[in-house]
């Protein structure tokens, strides 16, 4: 039970640290999850924007919303692949780190 708790703690800490550093935004799963959700919600949709509210009428089109967020319109499968690869990489990194740590502790 202690090893499982150590594994989960390492994964949570690695994910939190990588997601909070601005230079490492590509290493956080939130980056890819947001892109997947944004493309799924906005691609090919048109919204009713009243003209008297002063809203930017270019953002009434979902594709323009994605362009304003600098998210390519196609390629949701690529984001899923990158998301899965990132999670697998975090697990592998955590496994190596914990294995090295436990091997060093066992030698002492």
Protein backbone atom coordinates (compact mmCIF):
# COMPACT_ATOMS: atom_id res chain seq x y z
CA UNK A 1 0.00 0.00 0.00
CA UNK A 2 2.90 2.33 0.71
CA UNK A 3 4.30 1.94 -2.81
CA UNK A 4 0.94 2.77 -4.39
CA UNK A 5 0.66 5.90 -2.28
CA UNK A 6 4.21 6.93 -3.28
CA UNK A 7 3.43 6.38 -6.97
CA UNK A 8 0.27 8.45 -6.80
CA UNK A 9 2.01 11.23 -4.89
CA UNK A 10 4.81 11.37 -7.46
CA UNK A 11 2.32 11.53 -10.34
CA UNK A 12 0.25 14.28 -8.75
CA UNK A 13 3.32 16.35 -7.91
CA UNK A 14 4.85 15.92 -11.37
CA UNK A 15 1.59 16.91 -13.05
CA UNK A 16 1.09 19.92 -10.78
CA UNK A 17 4.64 21.18 -11.23
CA UNK A 18 4.66 20.78 -14.99
CA UNK A 19 1.27 22.43 -15.40
CA UNK A 20 2.11 25.46 -13.27
CA UNK A 21 5.33 26.55 -15.00
CA UNK A 22 4.64 28.94 -17.91
CA UNK A 23 7.54 27.64 -20.01
CA UNK A 24 6.27 24.07 -19.61
CA UNK A 25 2.68 24.56 -20.73
CA UNK A 26 3.13 21.86 -23.36
CA UNK A 27 3.96 19.38 -20.59
CA UNK A 28 0.65 19.84 -18.78
CA UNK A 29 -2.34 17.69 -19.73
CA UNK A 30 -4.64 20.69 -19.33
CA UNK A 31 -3.17 22.28 -22.46
CA UNK A 32 -4.24 19.38 -24.69
CA UNK A 33 -7.54 18.78 -22.89
CA UNK A 34 -8.54 22.42 -23.42
CA UNK A 35 -7.73 22.22 -27.12
CA UNK A 36 -9.72 19.02 -27.54
CA UNK A 37 -12.74 20.54 -25.81
CA UNK A 38 -12.47 23.86 -27.65
CA UNK A 39 -12.36 22.24 -31.09
CA UNK A 40 -15.25 19.97 -30.16
CA UNK A 41 -17.40 22.86 -28.98
CA UNK A 42 -16.60 25.59 -31.51
CA UNK A 43 -15.70 23.97 -34.85
CA UNK A 44 -18.35 24.63 -37.49
CA UNK A 45 -20.81 26.39 -35.16
CA UNK A 46 -22.52 29.73 -35.56
CA UNK A 47 -23.82 31.67 -32.58
CA UNK A 48 -26.62 34.22 -32.31
CA UNK A 49 -24.97 37.51 -31.47
CA UNK A 50 -27.25 40.51 -30.96
CA UNK A 51 -25.89 43.51 -32.83
CA UNK A 52 -26.93 46.02 -30.19
CA UNK A 53 -24.63 44.63 -27.47
CA UNK A 54 -21.44 45.76 -29.15
CA UNK A 55 -20.07 42.23 -29.26
CA UNK A 56 -17.45 41.48 -31.84
CA UNK A 57 -19.47 39.97 -34.67
CA UNK A 58 -16.47 38.06 -35.95
CA UNK A 59 -16.64 35.89 -32.83
CA UNK A 60 -20.19 34.77 -33.69
CA UNK A 61 -18.56 32.09 -35.85
CA UNK A 62 -17.00 29.19 -33.96
CA UNK A 63 -14.13 28.84 -36.43
CA UNK A 64 -13.18 32.48 -35.79
CA UNK A 65 -13.22 31.82 -32.04
CA UNK A 66 -10.71 29.01 -32.58
CA UNK A 67 -8.55 31.25 -34.76
CA UNK A 68 -8.56 33.95 -32.07
CA UNK A 69 -7.32 31.33 -29.57
CA UNK A 70 -4.60 30.20 -32.04
CA UNK A 71 -6.03 26.69 -32.15
CA UNK A 72 -5.93 24.93 -35.54
CA UNK A 73 -9.43 23.92 -36.62
CA UNK A 74 -8.63 20.35 -37.63
CA UNK A 75 -6.59 17.61 -36.04
CA UNK A 76 -8.38 16.60 -32.86
CA UNK A 77 -6.81 13.15 -33.21
CA UNK A 78 -3.36 14.70 -32.97
CA UNK A 79 -4.29 16.33 -29.65
CA UNK A 80 -5.60 13.00 -28.32
CA UNK A 81 -2.35 11.30 -29.37
CA UNK A 82 -0.21 13.98 -27.74
CA UNK A 83 -2.37 13.84 -24.59
CA UNK A 84 -2.00 10.06 -24.28
CA UNK A 85 1.75 10.23 -25.02
CA UNK A 86 2.17 12.89 -22.34
CA UNK A 87 0.36 10.83 -19.71
CA UNK A 88 2.39 7.73 -20.65
CA UNK A 89 5.59 9.77 -20.46
CA UNK A 90 4.70 11.04 -16.99
CA UNK A 91 4.01 7.50 -15.81
CA UNK A 92 7.31 6.26 -17.22
CA UNK A 93 9.22 9.16 -15.67
CA UNK A 94 7.57 8.55 -12.30
CA UNK A 95 8.31 4.81 -12.51
CA UNK A 96 11.99 5.43 -13.25
CA UNK A 97 12.28 8.03 -10.49
CA UNK A 98 10.61 5.80 -7.93
CA UNK A 99 12.61 2.74 -8.97
CA UNK A 100 15.88 4.62 -8.61
CA UNK A 101 14.77 6.04 -5.26
CA UNK A 102 13.68 2.66 -3.86
CA UNK A 103 16.83 0.92 -5.14
CA UNK A 104 19.00 3.53 -3.44
CA UNK A 105 17.01 3.18 -0.21
CA UNK A 106 17.31 -0.63 -0.33
CA UNK A 107 21.12 -0.46 -0.65
CA UNK A 108 21.46 1.63 2.50
